[in-house]
C-alpha cells in the first residue's frame, strides 16, 4: 500500500437519484454525455487523474493545487448556461492510501463531506487547500463559514465559489440591465447579500442563497431590472444607475429564522419599505424559497408605488415611455370610459417611443377588453376581443417571455368564453413570473366561472406570500368573492365585495356580487344603495340582462346569481 498527499476533487451530479427513478436510460446517458463532453476535456487540460468512478460521481486527483481550482472553475463555468444536470464539486488537500484495488484515507472522506456542502453549480474547498492558494486565486473564493461535517470531529472552515462575472467584467450584468431599461427610466434594483447575524457575515450559504433566490424572482418582474450587488460597492451601484437597493439580515435560533429586509432609495438612503418575517427553520432550501417569495411579494408593490408617485411629478410633455406606461396602468384601475381612453392614449404614445414595449402592448389589450366588458358605446364583445387579441399577439411577438402578454391572451379567451385556454395562458404567465398578480387573478376568476370553486379558493390562498399589498390584488379578490358566493359562503363574499367597492368604486362586478350576496343573506335594508350605484354604472341593468351577460358556466350558478339579485330587488326586465 502506498500513501501520498494530493489535491483531491470529488464531483457529484445533482438530482441523479430522481433522474434514475424517472427514466434510467436517460439518467445513464446524461452521465455519459457529461463525462465525455464536460469532464474529460477539462481534466485532460489541467492534468486531473480519475481515481474512481461512482455512478454519478468521480474522485479525481491533481498534482497541482492551482490546477485543481482552475479545473473545477472551468467545469462549472462551462456548465453554467448548460441546460443539463448541475454538479457539486468539493476540493481538499489531504492524504490518500492506494492499495492497487481501491483508494482510502481521511482525505477522501473529508473531501466527500465538503462536496456535499457545495451549492449546485458551485465549488467548496477546505481551509487547508485555501491557505496554499496564491493571493489572486484566493480572491476568487468567498468565506462560507464554519461547518460541522458528518463524522468529522472538528468543525472546518470552508470557502466557496459560484459562477459570476470575472473581476474585470463585474459591471457587465449591471450595464446590460441599464441598457435594457426603457430610455434609462425603468428602475434598477440591486439585490445585496443578506447578512448572517451569527458571525458569518454575507458569506454564509443561506446569505448567498436568499440573495440568489430573490434575484431570480425579481428578475422575472417587469416593473424593474434586478441585478446582483455581490460585486458592487455603493459608488459602483450609483455609477451604473441603480435606483433602489434591497438588503437585509437574518438570525437562526431554536428552529426559527427571523429575517429583516428593507428597500432603500439609493440617492437619499431613505427606507421606502421594510419587511420582518419569522419562519420555521426546517429544510434549508425550502426556507430560502419561502423567505425570498414573501420578501419579493412585499417589495414589488413598494417599488410600483414609488415609481408611480415619481411619474406624477413629471410634466406630461416630458414623460418617458416607462412613465407613460405607469400612468396608464393606474388609469385602467378606475374602470371608467374616460380613464380607459386616457390609458389607451398614453400606451399608444409609449409604444410610439418604444415600439417593442411588450407590456404596453399587453395593457392595450386590457383597454380593448375593458371596453367589451362594459359594452361602452354599444361595443360588440367579439369585436373587442378580436382587437385585444391583436395587441396580445404583438406583446408576445415583442417579448415571448412577457408574462403580461400571456395574461392578455388569457383574458381574451376568458371574454370569448374559451375558459380552458384562458386557464392555460394564465398558468403559463404565472410559471414565467410567480409575482404576476393579474395572471393569478385571471386564473382564480376563470376557475370560479367554471364552477371549480374549491380550486379557485385554493389558488387564492396560494398567492398570499406573493401579493400582500399589491394594488393588482383586486383582480384576485373578485375571483375569491365569486368563488365564495357560488360556494354558499355569502358572508365572506359580501365582506370581500364591500372591500372591493371601497377601492374600486366603478367596477361593476364588485357591486353585482355585493348585491347578490346581500340578497342571499336577506339583508334587504343594505341592498337599495348598492342597487342604485350598480344601475348608475350599467344603466338599465336587469336580472335577465345580467343572466345573459354573466360568464358563469353552470346552470346552477346562473340560477343562484339570478335568484339572489331578484331577492335583492333588482327588477326582472
Protein backbone atom coordinates (compact mmCIF):
# COMPACT_ATOMS: atom_id res chain seq x y z
CA UNK A 1 0.00 0.00 0.00
CA UNK A 2 1.21 3.49 -0.86
CA UNK A 3 0.37 6.73 0.89
CA UNK A 4 0.57 10.19 -0.69
CA UNK A 5 -0.56 13.77 -0.19
CA UNK A 6 -2.56 15.05 -3.14
CA UNK A 7 -5.16 17.59 -4.14
CA UNK A 8 -8.47 15.75 -4.18
CA UNK A 9 -11.61 16.69 -6.07
CA UNK A 10 -14.95 14.92 -5.73
CA UNK A 11 -17.63 15.65 -8.30
CA UNK A 12 -21.28 14.66 -7.84
CA UNK A 13 -24.30 15.09 -10.12
CA UNK A 14 -27.28 16.90 -8.55
CA UNK A 15 -30.61 15.06 -8.73
CA UNK A 16 -29.22 11.82 -10.18
CA UNK A 17 -31.36 9.55 -7.97
CA UNK A 18 -34.54 11.33 -9.06
CA UNK A 19 -33.45 11.06 -12.70
CA UNK A 20 -32.88 7.32 -12.28
CA UNK A 21 -36.35 6.93 -10.79
CA UNK A 22 -37.95 8.83 -13.68
CA UNK A 23 -36.00 7.29 -16.57
CA UNK A 24 -32.95 5.09 -16.02
CA UNK A 25 -31.85 5.19 -19.67
CA UNK A 26 -31.90 9.00 -19.83
CA UNK A 27 -30.05 9.27 -16.50
CA UNK A 28 -27.24 6.93 -17.62
CA UNK A 29 -26.91 8.73 -20.94
CA UNK A 30 -26.74 12.09 -19.12
CA UNK A 31 -23.78 10.82 -17.06
CA UNK A 32 -22.00 9.58 -20.17
CA UNK A 33 -22.52 12.86 -22.01
CA UNK A 34 -21.35 14.85 -19.01
CA UNK A 35 -18.22 12.76 -18.64
CA UNK A 36 -17.34 12.79 -22.35
CA UNK A 37 -18.08 16.40 -23.26
CA UNK A 38 -17.56 18.29 -19.99
CA UNK A 39 -15.25 16.46 -17.58
CA UNK A 40 -12.76 14.60 -19.76
CA UNK A 41 -11.68 17.64 -21.87
CA UNK A 42 -11.09 19.78 -18.77
CA UNK A 43 -9.31 17.04 -16.83
CA UNK A 44 -7.04 16.45 -19.80
CA UNK A 45 -6.23 20.18 -19.98
CA UNK A 46 -5.48 20.57 -16.25
CA UNK A 47 -3.88 17.19 -15.53
CA UNK A 48 -6.63 15.59 -13.47
CA UNK A 49 -6.44 11.83 -12.81
CA UNK A 50 -9.72 9.96 -12.28
CA UNK A 51 -9.08 7.65 -9.33
CA UNK A 52 -12.56 6.19 -9.15
CA UNK A 53 -15.99 6.37 -10.81
CA UNK A 54 -19.08 6.02 -8.61
CA UNK A 55 -22.07 6.04 -10.97
CA UNK A 56 -22.95 9.73 -10.80
CA UNK A 57 -19.71 10.75 -9.09
CA UNK A 58 -15.98 10.98 -9.66
CA UNK A 59 -12.94 11.02 -7.34
CA UNK A 60 -10.13 12.93 -9.06
CA UNK A 61 -6.54 13.73 -8.04
CA UNK A 62 -4.42 16.68 -9.15
CA UNK A 63 -0.69 17.13 -8.66
CA UNK A 64 -1.17 20.91 -8.55
CA UNK A 65 -3.49 22.85 -6.21
CA UNK A 66 -3.93 25.69 -8.72
CA UNK A 67 -4.72 23.18 -11.48
CA UNK A 68 -7.45 21.62 -9.33
CA UNK A 69 -9.05 25.01 -8.58
CA UNK A 70 -8.81 26.24 -12.16
CA UNK A 71 -10.14 22.94 -13.48
CA UNK A 72 -13.12 22.96 -11.11
CA UNK A 73 -13.98 26.55 -12.02
CA UNK A 74 -13.65 25.77 -15.72
CA UNK A 75 -16.03 22.79 -15.42
CA UNK A 76 -18.68 24.78 -13.58
CA UNK A 77 -18.30 27.83 -15.83
CA UNK A 78 -18.82 25.65 -18.91
CA UNK A 79 -21.97 24.16 -17.33
CA UNK A 80 -23.35 27.46 -16.02
CA UNK A 81 -25.62 28.10 -19.02
CA UNK A 82 -25.93 24.42 -19.89
CA UNK A 83 -29.50 23.07 -19.76
CA UNK A 84 -28.40 19.67 -18.45
CA UNK A 85 -27.68 18.43 -14.91
CA UNK A 86 -25.74 20.53 -12.40
CA UNK A 87 -22.70 19.40 -10.43
CA UNK A 88 -21.45 19.84 -6.89
CA UNK A 89 -17.66 19.94 -6.53
CA UNK A 90 -15.58 19.68 -3.36
CA UNK A 91 -11.77 20.03 -3.11
CA UNK A 92 -9.34 19.30 -0.29
CA UNK A 93 -5.61 18.83 0.25
CA UNK A 94 -5.22 15.52 2.03
CA UNK A 95 -3.73 12.05 2.30
CA UNK A 96 -4.92 9.03 0.34
CA UNK A 97 -3.83 5.38 0.56
CA UNK A 98 -3.57 3.34 -2.64
CA UNK A 99 -3.66 -0.47 -2.33
CA UNK A 100 -3.89 -1.09 -6.12
CA UNK A 101 -7.58 -2.14 -5.90
CA UNK A 102 -9.05 0.96 -4.26
CA UNK A 103 -8.33 4.27 -2.54
CA UNK A 104 -8.81 5.02 1.14
CA UNK A 105 -7.93 7.63 3.71
CA UNK A 106 -9.29 10.51 5.75
CA UNK A 107 -8.63 12.83 2.80
CA UNK A 108 -11.25 11.06 0.69
CA UNK A 109 -13.82 11.10 3.50
CA UNK A 110 -13.29 14.81 4.22
CA UNK A 111 -13.49 15.75 0.54
CA UNK A 112 -16.76 13.81 0.23
CA UNK A 113 -18.26 15.80 3.13
CA UNK A 114 -17.02 19.10 1.69
CA UNK A 115 -18.56 18.25 -1.69
CA UNK A 116 -21.98 17.68 -0.05
CA UNK A 117 -21.91 21.29 1.24
CA UNK A 118 -21.19 22.77 -2.18
CA UNK A 119 -24.01 24.75 -3.83
CA UNK A 120 -25.34 23.20 -7.08
CA UNK A 121 -23.23 24.59 -9.91
CA UNK A 122 -20.56 25.74 -7.47
CA UNK A 123 -17.39 24.70 -5.67
CA UNK A 124 -16.47 24.29 -2.00
CA UNK A 125 -12.86 23.93 -0.76
CA UNK A 126 -11.25 23.30 2.60
CA UNK A 127 -9.25 25.84 4.56
CA UNK A 128 -6.17 23.61 4.17
CA UNK A 129 -6.36 23.99 0.40
CA UNK A 130 -7.34 27.67 0.57
CA UNK A 131 -4.18 28.55 2.54
CA UNK A 132 -1.98 27.20 -0.28
CA UNK A 133 -3.53 29.39 -2.97
CA UNK A 134 -1.94 32.48 -4.44
CA UNK A 135 -3.42 35.83 -3.49
CA UNK A 136 -5.11 36.19 -6.88
CA UNK A 137 -6.65 32.73 -6.69
CA UNK A 138 -7.82 33.23 -3.12
CA UNK A 139 -9.76 36.32 -4.28
CA UNK A 140 -11.95 34.06 -6.40
CA UNK A 141 -13.35 32.36 -3.28
CA UNK A 142 -15.65 33.57 -0.52
CA UNK A 143 -15.55 32.56 3.13
CA UNK A 144 -18.59 30.26 3.56
CA UNK A 145 -18.19 29.95 7.32
CA UNK A 146 -17.54 27.10 9.75
CA UNK A 147 -19.20 23.72 9.14
CA UNK A 148 -19.76 20.68 11.33
CA UNK A 149 -19.25 17.87 8.84
CA UNK A 150 -20.66 14.39 9.36
CA UNK A 151 -18.19 12.00 11.10
CA UNK A 152 -15.50 14.74 11.16
CA UNK A 153 -14.69 15.51 14.83
CA UNK A 154 -13.69 19.16 14.40
CA UNK A 155 -15.59 21.96 12.65
CA UNK A 156 -14.00 23.05 9.37
CA UNK A 157 -13.95 26.47 7.71
CA UNK A 158 -14.86 26.21 4.06
CA UNK A 159 -14.57 28.58 1.10
CA UNK A 160 -16.88 28.63 -1.88
CA UNK A 161 -17.04 29.74 -5.50
CA UNK A 162 -20.18 30.33 -7.55
CA UNK A 163 -20.47 31.26 -11.23
CA UNK A 164 -20.14 35.03 -11.59
CA UNK A 165 -18.61 37.62 -13.92
CA UNK A 166 -14.82 37.85 -13.75
CA UNK A 167 -13.49 40.79 -11.81
CA UNK A 168 -12.63 42.71 -14.98
CA UNK A 169 -16.24 42.27 -16.14
CA UNK A 170 -18.09 42.72 -12.88
CA UNK A 171 -20.13 45.59 -14.31
CA UNK A 172 -21.31 43.64 -17.37
CA UNK A 173 -24.54 42.43 -15.83
CA UNK A 174 -25.34 45.86 -14.45
CA UNK A 175 -24.61 47.54 -17.76
CA UNK A 176 -26.86 45.11 -19.61
CA UNK A 177 -29.67 45.85 -17.18
CA UNK A 178 -29.12 49.57 -17.63
CA UNK A 179 -29.11 49.29 -21.43
CA UNK A 180 -32.33 47.25 -21.35
CA UNK A 181 -34.09 49.85 -19.23
CA UNK A 182 -36.53 51.92 -21.25
CA UNK A 183 -34.61 55.09 -22.06
CA UNK A 184 -32.88 54.67 -18.70
CA UNK A 185 -36.14 55.30 -16.82
CA UNK A 186 -37.12 51.76 -15.86
CA UNK A 187 -35.57 51.42 -12.41
CA UNK A 188 -32.66 49.17 -11.47
CA UNK A 189 -32.75 47.43 -8.09
CA UNK A 190 -29.58 45.98 -6.58
CA UNK A 191 -30.05 42.78 -4.54
CA UNK A 192 -27.40 42.82 -1.84
CA UNK A 193 -26.37 39.65 0.06
CA UNK A 194 -28.26 39.26 3.33
CA UNK A 195 -26.13 39.43 6.48
CA UNK A 196 -25.94 36.40 8.76
CA UNK A 197 -26.02 37.85 12.30
CA UNK A 198 -24.42 34.73 13.77
CA UNK A 199 -21.00 35.91 12.72
CA UNK A 200 -20.62 34.62 9.16
CA UNK A 201 -21.48 37.96 7.59
CA UNK A 202 -22.64 37.93 3.97
CA UNK A 203 -20.72 34.78 3.03
CA UNK A 204 -22.82 32.06 4.65
CA UNK A 205 -24.65 29.65 2.31
CA UNK A 206 -28.05 30.96 3.46
CA UNK A 207 -26.96 34.58 2.96
CA UNK A 208 -25.97 33.91 -0.61
CA UNK A 209 -28.93 31.57 -1.17
CA UNK A 210 -31.51 34.20 -0.14
CA UNK A 211 -29.95 36.84 -2.39
CA UNK A 212 -29.73 34.43 -5.33
CA UNK A 213 -33.35 33.32 -4.96
CA UNK A 214 -34.54 36.93 -4.65
CA UNK A 215 -32.57 37.84 -7.76
CA UNK A 216 -34.25 35.02 -9.66
CA UNK A 217 -37.76 36.03 -8.56
CA UNK A 218 -37.32 39.77 -9.03
CA UNK A 219 -35.58 39.38 -12.38
CA UNK A 220 -38.85 38.00 -13.76
CA UNK A 221 -40.66 41.20 -12.75
CA UNK A 222 -41.30 43.77 -15.46
CA UNK A 223 -41.54 46.73 -13.07
CA UNK A 224 -37.76 46.94 -12.74
CA UNK A 225 -34.41 45.41 -13.65
CA UNK A 226 -32.84 43.39 -10.84
CA UNK A 227 -29.08 42.82 -10.60
CA UNK A 228 -26.76 41.19 -8.08
CA UNK A 229 -24.96 43.50 -5.66
CA UNK A 230 -22.34 40.94 -4.63
CA UNK A 231 -19.55 42.62 -6.61
CA UNK A 232 -20.74 46.24 -6.44
CA UNK A 233 -19.92 48.76 -3.73
CA UNK A 234 -22.10 51.83 -3.07
CA UNK A 235 -20.29 54.05 -5.55
CA UNK A 236 -20.41 51.42 -8.27
CA UNK A 237 -24.14 50.96 -7.70
CA UNK A 238 -24.66 54.67 -8.39
CA UNK A 239 -22.36 54.59 -11.40
CA UNK A 240 -24.49 52.03 -13.21
CA UNK A 241 -27.68 53.98 -12.48
CA UNK A 242 -29.22 51.85 -9.73
CA UNK A 243 -32.21 53.50 -8.06
CA UNK A 244 -33.02 51.03 -5.27
CA UNK A 245 -31.13 48.63 -3.01
CA UNK A 246 -32.68 45.66 -1.25
CA UNK A 247 -30.68 44.38 1.71
CA UNK A 248 -31.34 42.59 4.95
CA UNK A 249 -30.19 40.29 7.71
CA UNK A 250 -31.29 37.08 9.40
CA UNK A 251 -30.79 35.13 12.61
CA UNK A 252 -31.32 31.41 13.09
CA UNK A 253 -32.18 30.30 16.63
CA UNK A 254 -34.18 27.43 18.16
CA UNK A 255 -35.68 26.11 14.91
CA UNK A 256 -36.75 29.62 13.87
CA UNK A 257 -35.40 32.05 11.28
CA UNK A 258 -36.00 35.75 11.88
CA UNK A 259 -35.49 37.90 8.81
CA UNK A 260 -35.42 41.64 8.39
CA UNK A 261 -35.18 43.31 4.98
CA UNK A 262 -35.51 46.85 3.71
CA UNK A 263 -35.88 48.65 0.40
CA UNK A 264 -33.77 51.82 0.19
CA UNK A 265 -33.80 54.66 -2.28
CA UNK A 266 -30.12 54.87 -3.22
CA UNK A 267 -29.97 58.64 -3.82
CA UNK A 268 -31.41 59.58 -0.41
CA UNK A 269 -30.80 56.41 1.68
CA UNK A 270 -34.48 56.70 2.59
CA UNK A 271 -36.13 53.45 3.65
CA UNK A 272 -39.18 53.03 1.42
CA UNK A 273 -40.36 49.73 2.83
CA UNK A 274 -39.28 47.17 5.42
CA UNK A 275 -40.25 43.56 5.99
CA UNK A 276 -39.88 41.44 9.13
CA UNK A 277 -40.55 37.71 8.96
CA UNK A 278 -40.37 34.80 11.38
CA UNK A 279 -40.39 31.32 9.84
CA UNK A 280 -39.79 27.78 10.99
CA UNK A 281 -36.26 26.64 10.20
CA UNK A 282 -37.00 23.29 8.58
CA UNK A 283 -35.47 22.30 5.24
CA UNK A 284 -32.67 24.66 4.17
CA UNK A 285 -33.75 25.22 0.57
CA UNK A 286 -37.46 25.33 1.41
CA UNK A 287 -36.74 28.05 3.97
CA UNK A 288 -34.80 30.09 1.41
CA UNK A 289 -37.64 29.74 -1.12
CA UNK A 290 -40.28 30.93 1.36
CA UNK A 291 -38.16 33.84 2.57
CA UNK A 292 -37.50 35.06 -0.98
CA UNK A 293 -41.12 34.64 -2.06
CA UNK A 294 -42.51 36.67 0.84
CA UNK A 295 -39.93 39.44 0.58
CA UNK A 296 -40.39 39.79 -3.20
CA UNK A 297 -44.16 39.91 -2.68
CA UNK A 298 -43.73 42.87 -0.31
CA UNK A 299 -41.08 44.72 -2.32
CA UNK A 300 -42.75 44.68 -5.75
CA UNK A 301 -45.76 46.90 -4.86
CA UNK A 302 -43.50 49.24 -2.88
CA UNK A 303 -41.39 49.88 -6.00
CA UNK A 304 -44.50 50.21 -8.17
CA UNK A 305 -45.93 52.82 -5.80
CA UNK A 306 -42.64 54.74 -5.63
CA UNK A 307 -42.33 54.77 -9.43
CA UNK A 308 -45.93 55.88 -9.92
CA UNK A 309 -45.52 58.69 -7.39
CA UNK A 310 -42.40 59.83 -9.23
CA UNK A 311 -44.15 59.82 -12.61
CA UNK A 312 -46.90 62.07 -11.27
CA UNK A 313 -44.33 64.79 -10.61
CA UNK A 314 -43.20 64.88 -14.24
CA UNK A 315 -44.74 67.33 -16.72
CA UNK A 316 -46.81 65.42 -19.34
CA UNK A 317 -44.60 66.71 -22.17
CA UNK A 318 -41.50 65.20 -20.52
CA UNK A 319 -42.86 61.73 -19.72
CA UNK A 320 -40.78 58.75 -20.83
CA UNK A 321 -42.25 55.54 -22.28
CA UNK A 322 -41.96 53.91 -18.88
CA UNK A 323 -43.66 56.79 -17.05
CA UNK A 324 -46.48 56.86 -19.60
CA UNK A 325 -46.94 53.14 -19.03
CA UNK A 326 -47.09 53.59 -15.25
CA UNK A 327 -49.75 56.28 -15.54
CA UNK A 328 -51.77 54.19 -17.99
CA UNK A 329 -51.82 51.17 -15.66
CA UNK A 330 -53.06 53.39 -12.86
CA UNK A 331 -55.79 54.81 -15.11
CA UNK A 332 -57.03 51.34 -16.05
CA UNK A 333 -57.85 50.67 -12.39
CA UNK A 334 -60.52 53.42 -12.45
CA UNK A 335 -62.91 51.40 -14.66
CA UNK A 336 -64.45 54.39 -16.43
CA UNK A 337 -64.75 55.10 -20.15
CA UNK A 338 -62.75 58.32 -19.71
CA UNK A 339 -59.89 56.71 -17.78
CA UNK A 340 -59.77 53.81 -20.25
CA UNK A 341 -59.48 56.31 -23.12
CA UNK A 342 -56.69 58.15 -21.30
CA UNK A 343 -54.85 54.87 -20.70
CA UNK A 344 -55.15 53.91 -24.38
CA UNK A 345 -53.78 57.28 -25.48
CA UNK A 346 -50.79 57.06 -23.11
CA UNK A 347 -50.00 53.47 -24.08
CA UNK A 348 -50.04 54.30 -27.77
CA UNK A 349 -47.70 57.22 -27.06
CA UNK A 350 -45.43 54.92 -25.03
CA UNK A 351 -45.30 52.38 -27.89
CA UNK A 352 -44.53 55.16 -30.36
CA UNK A 353 -41.42 55.88 -28.27
CA UNK A 354 -40.59 52.19 -27.69
CA UNK A 355 -42.19 50.01 -30.43
CA UNK A 356 -41.13 46.76 -28.74
CA UNK A 357 -42.50 47.67 -25.32
CA UNK A 358 -44.26 44.31 -24.77
CA UNK A 359 -46.00 45.20 -21.51
CA UNK A 360 -47.52 48.31 -23.11
CA UNK A 361 -48.94 46.19 -25.95
CA UNK A 362 -50.40 43.83 -23.32
CA UNK A 363 -52.04 46.72 -21.48
CA UNK A 364 -53.54 47.99 -24.74
CA UNK A 365 -55.26 44.61 -24.92
CA UNK A 366 -56.63 45.36 -21.43
CA UNK A 367 -58.11 48.62 -22.74
CA UNK A 368 -59.96 46.76 -25.52
CA UNK A 369 -61.18 44.12 -23.08
CA UNK A 370 -62.47 46.72 -20.66
CA UNK A 371 -64.50 48.35 -23.47
CA UNK A 372 -66.03 44.98 -24.33
CA UNK A 373 -66.59 44.08 -20.68
CA UNK A 374 -68.68 47.22 -20.04
CA UNK A 375 -70.15 47.43 -23.58
CA UNK A 376 -69.26 51.12 -23.60
CA UNK A 377 -70.74 52.94 -26.58
CA UNK A 378 -72.62 49.80 -27.58
CA UNK A 379 -69.36 47.94 -28.14
CA UNK A 380 -69.59 44.41 -29.53
CA UNK A 381 -67.90 41.83 -27.29
CA UNK A 382 -66.48 39.80 -30.17
CA UNK A 383 -65.01 42.87 -31.86
CA UNK A 384 -63.44 43.97 -28.57
CA UNK A 385 -61.95 40.50 -28.04
CA UNK A 386 -60.57 40.44 -31.61
CA UNK A 387 -58.95 43.87 -31.13
CA UNK A 388 -57.47 42.76 -27.81
CA UNK A 389 -56.10 39.59 -29.42
CA UNK A 390 -54.08 41.68 -31.90
CA UNK A 391 -52.41 43.61 -29.08
CA UNK A 392 -51.78 40.46 -27.03
CA UNK A 393 -50.09 38.82 -30.01
CA UNK A 394 -47.96 41.93 -30.55
CA UNK A 395 -46.89 41.77 -26.89
CA UNK A 396 -45.67 38.19 -27.26
CA UNK A 397 -44.03 38.93 -30.61
CA UNK A 398 -42.08 41.77 -28.95
CA UNK A 399 -41.10 39.58 -25.98
CA UNK A 400 -42.04 35.87 -25.85
CA UNK A 401 -41.22 35.89 -22.12
CA UNK A 402 -43.53 38.77 -21.16
CA UNK A 403 -45.96 37.33 -18.57
CA UNK A 404 -48.46 40.15 -19.13
CA UNK A 405 -48.63 39.07 -22.78
CA UNK A 406 -49.76 35.61 -21.71
CA UNK A 407 -52.21 37.11 -19.23
CA UNK A 408 -53.61 39.30 -22.02
CA UNK A 409 -54.11 36.14 -24.11
CA UNK A 410 -55.83 34.52 -21.12
CA UNK A 411 -58.17 37.49 -20.69
CA UNK A 412 -59.04 37.48 -24.41
CA UNK A 413 -60.03 33.81 -24.20
CA UNK A 414 -61.95 34.47 -20.98
CA UNK A 415 -64.05 37.21 -22.60
CA UNK A 416 -64.55 34.95 -25.64
CA UNK A 417 -65.77 32.07 -23.44
CA UNK A 418 -62.84 29.71 -24.03
CA UNK A 419 -62.08 29.11 -20.35
CA UNK A 420 -59.78 26.12 -20.78
CA UNK A 421 -57.42 28.17 -23.00
CA UNK A 422 -57.75 31.10 -20.60
CA UNK A 423 -56.61 28.94 -17.68
CA UNK A 424 -53.72 27.56 -19.74
CA UNK A 425 -52.39 31.00 -20.74
CA UNK A 426 -52.78 32.35 -17.19
CA UNK A 427 -50.85 29.36 -15.82
CA UNK A 428 -48.09 30.00 -18.37
CA UNK A 429 -47.82 33.62 -17.23
CA UNK A 430 -47.54 32.50 -13.60
CA UNK A 431 -44.87 29.95 -14.49
CA UNK A 432 -42.83 32.74 -16.11
CA UNK A 433 -43.32 35.15 -13.21
CA UNK A 434 -44.90 33.94 -9.94
CA UNK A 435 -45.36 37.60 -8.94
CA UNK A 436 -47.58 38.37 -11.99
CA UNK A 437 -50.68 39.10 -9.90
CA UNK A 438 -53.03 39.92 -12.84
CA UNK A 439 -52.44 36.38 -14.14
CA UNK A 440 -53.27 34.91 -10.74
CA UNK A 441 -56.46 36.97 -10.78
CA UNK A 442 -57.40 35.72 -14.25
CA UNK A 443 -56.82 32.10 -13.23
CA UNK A 444 -58.84 32.39 -10.00
CA UNK A 445 -61.76 34.09 -11.77
CA UNK A 446 -61.78 31.57 -14.63
CA UNK A 447 -61.84 28.67 -12.17
CA UNK A 448 -64.76 30.31 -10.37
CA UNK A 449 -66.66 30.85 -13.64
CA UNK A 450 -66.14 27.17 -14.47
CA UNK A 451 -67.72 26.26 -11.14
CA UNK A 452 -64.49 24.81 -9.71
CA UNK A 453 -64.78 26.90 -6.58
CA UNK A 454 -62.52 24.70 -4.47
CA UNK A 455 -59.61 25.13 -6.90
CA UNK A 456 -60.33 28.86 -7.15
CA UNK A 457 -60.21 29.29 -3.37
CA UNK A 458 -57.03 27.22 -3.14
CA UNK A 459 -55.42 29.30 -5.90
CA UNK A 460 -56.28 32.43 -3.91
CA UNK A 461 -54.69 31.01 -0.76
CA UNK A 462 -51.53 30.20 -2.72
CA UNK A 463 -50.85 33.83 -3.62
CA UNK A 464 -50.76 35.07 -0.01
CA UNK A 465 -46.95 35.46 0.25
CA UNK A 466 -46.69 36.82 -3.29
CA UNK A 467 -49.03 39.80 -3.04
CA UNK A 468 -49.82 41.02 0.49
CA UNK A 469 -50.09 44.68 -0.59
CA UNK A 470 -50.08 44.57 -4.37
CA UNK A 471 -52.56 47.03 -5.94
CA UNK A 472 -53.39 44.40 -8.58
CA UNK A 473 -54.59 42.05 -5.82
CA UNK A 474 -58.16 43.24 -6.50
CA UNK A 475 -58.12 41.10 -9.66
CA UNK A 476 -57.63 38.09 -7.39
CA UNK A 477 -60.12 39.24 -4.76
CA UNK A 478 -63.01 39.45 -7.24
CA UNK A 479 -62.42 35.80 -8.17
CA UNK A 480 -62.25 34.94 -4.47
CA UNK A 481 -65.53 36.81 -3.92
CA UNK A 482 -67.28 34.96 -6.77
CA UNK A 483 -65.97 31.57 -5.58
CA UNK A 484 -67.25 32.21 -2.05
CA UNK A 485 -70.64 33.33 -3.35
CA UNK A 486 -71.03 30.21 -5.51
CA UNK A 487 -69.92 28.04 -2.56
CA UNK A 488 -72.71 29.49 -0.42
CA UNK A 489 -70.33 31.45 1.82
CA UNK A 490 -72.34 34.65 1.35
CA UNK A 491 -70.93 36.41 4.44
CA UNK A 492 -67.35 36.17 3.15
CA UNK A 493 -68.46 37.12 -0.36
CA UNK A 494 -70.26 40.22 0.95
CA UNK A 495 -67.29 41.19 3.12
CA UNK A 496 -64.87 40.90 0.17
CA UNK A 497 -67.21 42.76 -2.21
CA UNK A 498 -67.62 45.63 0.28
CA UNK A 499 -63.84 45.97 0.45
CA UNK A 500 -63.58 45.98 -3.35
CA UNK A 501 -66.34 48.60 -3.72
CA UNK A 502 -64.38 50.96 -1.48
CA UNK A 503 -61.15 50.78 -3.51
CA UNK A 504 -62.65 50.15 -6.98
CA UNK A 505 -65.95 52.08 -6.81
CA UNK A 506 -66.56 51.92 -10.59
CA UNK A 507 -66.00 48.19 -11.08
CA UNK A 508 -69.49 46.84 -11.71
CA UNK A 509 -68.68 43.18 -10.87
CA UNK A 510 -67.95 44.18 -7.26
CA UNK A 511 -71.41 45.77 -6.98
CA UNK A 512 -73.10 42.79 -8.69
CA UNK A 513 -71.73 40.27 -6.21
CA UNK A 514 -72.21 42.58 -3.23
CA UNK A 515 -75.87 42.99 -4.17
CA UNK A 516 -76.30 39.26 -4.82
CA UNK A 517 -74.60 38.32 -1.52
CA UNK A 518 -76.78 40.74 0.46
CA UNK A 519 -79.86 39.41 -1.31
CA UNK A 520 -78.92 35.82 -0.50
CA UNK A 521 -78.39 36.82 3.15
CA UNK A 522 -81.74 38.63 3.28
CA UNK A 523 -80.11 41.91 4.30
CA UNK A 524 -82.52 43.88 2.13
CA UNK A 525 -82.07 47.17 4.02
CA UNK A 526 -78.50 47.35 2.65
CA UNK A 527 -79.47 46.49 -0.91
CA UNK A 528 -81.07 49.73 -2.07
CA UNK A 529 -77.92 51.90 -2.14
CA UNK A 530 -75.90 49.12 -3.77
CA UNK A 531 -78.60 48.57 -6.43
CA UNK A 532 -78.76 52.30 -7.15
CA UNK A 533 -74.99 52.53 -7.66
CA UNK A 534 -74.96 49.41 -9.85
CA UNK A 535 -77.55 50.83 -12.21
CA UNK A 536 -75.56 54.09 -12.41
CA UNK A 537 -72.56 52.12 -13.65
CA UNK A 538 -74.54 49.86 -16.00
CA UNK A 539 -77.78 51.69 -16.91
CA UNK A 540 -80.94 49.62 -17.31
CA UNK A 541 -79.32 46.50 -15.84
CA UNK A 542 -81.93 43.85 -15.04
CA UNK A 543 -81.88 40.25 -13.81
CA UNK A 544 -82.48 38.92 -17.32
CA UNK A 545 -79.77 41.13 -18.85
CA UNK A 546 -77.32 40.12 -16.11
CA UNK A 547 -78.14 36.45 -16.74
CA UNK A 548 -77.40 36.97 -20.45
CA UNK A 549 -74.05 38.67 -19.91
CA UNK A 550 -72.70 36.65 -16.97
CA UNK A 551 -69.70 34.43 -17.65
CA UNK A 552 -70.81 31.74 -15.21
CA UNK A 553 -70.87 28.38 -16.98
CA UNK A 554 -73.07 26.19 -14.79
CA UNK A 555 -76.85 26.47 -14.87
CA UNK A 556 -76.99 26.12 -11.09
CA UNK A 557 -74.57 29.02 -10.65
CA UNK A 558 -76.50 31.22 -13.10
CA UNK A 559 -79.75 30.45 -11.26
CA UNK A 560 -78.14 31.24 -7.89
CA UNK A 561 -76.95 34.62 -9.14
CA UNK A 562 -80.29 35.47 -10.76
CA UNK A 563 -82.33 34.40 -7.71
CA UNK A 564 -80.08 36.37 -5.34
CA UNK A 565 -80.25 39.55 -7.45
CA UNK A 566 -84.02 39.13 -7.69
CA UNK A 567 -84.25 38.75 -3.91
CA UNK A 568 -82.18 41.95 -3.54
CA UNK A 569 -84.78 43.89 -5.53
CA UNK A 570 -83.18 44.14 -8.98
CA UNK A 571 -86.04 44.25 -11.49
CA UNK A 572 -86.59 41.24 -13.73
CA UNK A 573 -86.92 43.03 -17.11
